[in-house]
Amino acid sequence: IETNNIVAVTGGSTLAAVAEMMNADSKELNPLFVPARGGLGEEVRNQANTICAKMAEMAKGNYRLLHLPDELSEDAYLTMME
């Protein structure tokens, strides 16, 4: 990771394990972790939002959350956009 990189993170048990194994670089890199997909419906520890937060904690960076389900029907999408 280089200074001020934005890292998109998906969910799943593999990336959850990667997040647990990360450690902070001694440099001030200030990475930003963002979920590449929504969540809801699976184990919370394997959701992209949770993994982003853990990676940011371990890398001494920042994160943003995506408060949307992984899949939306067209009707649900249109309702949210109103």
Protein backbone atom coordinates (compact mmCIF):
# COMPACT_ATOMS: atom_id res chain seq x y z
CA ILE A 1 0.00 0.00 0.00
CA GLU A 2 1.31 3.42 -0.93
CA THR A 3 0.48 6.79 0.63
CA ASN A 4 -3.21 7.76 0.41
CA ASN A 5 -4.25 4.65 -1.54
CA ILE A 6 -7.92 3.71 -1.69
CA VAL A 7 -8.38 -0.04 -1.25
CA ALA A 8 -11.67 -1.67 -2.33
CA VAL A 9 -12.52 -4.71 -0.23
CA THR A 10 -15.01 -7.50 -0.92
CA GLY A 11 -16.41 -9.86 1.68
CA GLY A 12 -15.71 -13.49 2.44
CA SER A 13 -13.79 -15.68 4.83
CA THR A 14 -10.49 -15.35 2.94
CA LEU A 15 -10.38 -11.55 3.15
CA ALA A 16 -11.55 -11.71 6.77
CA ALA A 17 -8.50 -13.89 7.49
CA VAL A 18 -6.24 -11.48 5.57
CA ALA A 19 -7.57 -8.58 7.68
CA GLU A 20 -6.65 -10.44 10.87
CA MET A 21 -3.08 -10.96 9.63
CA MET A 22 -2.41 -7.38 8.52
CA ASN A 23 -0.07 -5.12 10.42
CA ALA A 24 0.70 -1.44 10.27
CA ASP A 25 3.67 -0.13 8.35
CA SER A 26 5.87 2.23 10.31
CA LYS A 27 5.24 4.92 7.68
CA GLU A 28 2.20 7.21 7.73
CA LEU A 29 0.49 5.75 4.65
CA ASN A 30 -3.08 6.85 5.47
CA PRO A 31 -4.90 4.18 3.42
CA LEU A 32 -8.67 4.40 2.94
CA PHE A 33 -10.57 1.08 2.87
CA VAL A 34 -13.95 1.00 1.12
CA PRO A 35 -16.37 -1.90 0.59
CA ALA A 36 -16.67 -3.03 -3.02
CA ARG A 37 -20.10 -4.54 -2.35
CA GLY A 38 -22.97 -4.35 0.06
CA GLY A 39 -23.72 -6.70 2.90
CA LEU A 40 -26.67 -8.11 4.81
CA GLY A 41 -27.66 -11.73 4.81
CA GLU A 42 -24.38 -13.44 5.65
CA GLU A 43 -22.22 -13.70 8.73
CA VAL A 44 -21.30 -10.18 9.79
CA ARG A 45 -17.62 -11.06 10.23
CA ASN A 46 -17.45 -11.92 6.51
CA GLN A 47 -19.18 -8.78 5.23
CA ALA A 48 -17.19 -6.18 3.33
CA ASN A 49 -18.07 -3.40 5.83
CA THR A 50 -16.70 -5.39 8.77
CA ILE A 51 -13.55 -6.38 6.89
CA CYS A 52 -12.95 -2.75 5.82
CA ALA A 53 -13.14 -1.59 9.42
CA LYS A 54 -10.76 -4.33 10.57
CA MET A 55 -8.25 -3.64 7.79
CA ALA A 56 -8.30 0.07 8.59
CA GLU A 57 -7.73 -0.68 12.27
CA MET A 58 -4.84 -3.02 11.53
CA ALA A 59 -3.23 -0.69 8.95
CA LYS A 60 -3.85 2.46 11.00
CA GLY A 61 -5.93 3.87 8.18
CA ASN A 62 -9.50 5.02 7.62
CA TYR A 63 -12.62 3.39 6.23
CA ARG A 64 -16.05 4.17 4.83
CA LEU A 65 -19.10 1.94 5.07
CA LEU A 66 -21.66 1.02 2.42
CA HIS A 67 -25.10 0.66 3.99
CA LEU A 68 -26.80 -1.31 1.22
CA PRO A 69 -27.72 -4.95 0.78
CA ASP A 70 -25.58 -6.96 -1.61
CA GLU A 71 -28.43 -7.34 -4.10
CA LEU A 72 -31.39 -5.04 -4.79
CA SER A 73 -34.42 -5.52 -6.97
CA GLU A 74 -35.08 -2.78 -9.49
CA ASP A 75 -38.14 -1.67 -7.48
CA ALA A 76 -36.10 -1.42 -4.28
CA TYR A 77 -33.39 0.54 -6.08
CA LEU A 78 -35.90 3.01 -7.52
CA THR A 79 -37.51 3.47 -4.10
CA MET A 80 -34.13 4.23 -2.53
CA MET A 81 -33.32 6.76 -5.24
CA GLU A 82 -36.52 8.78 -4.59
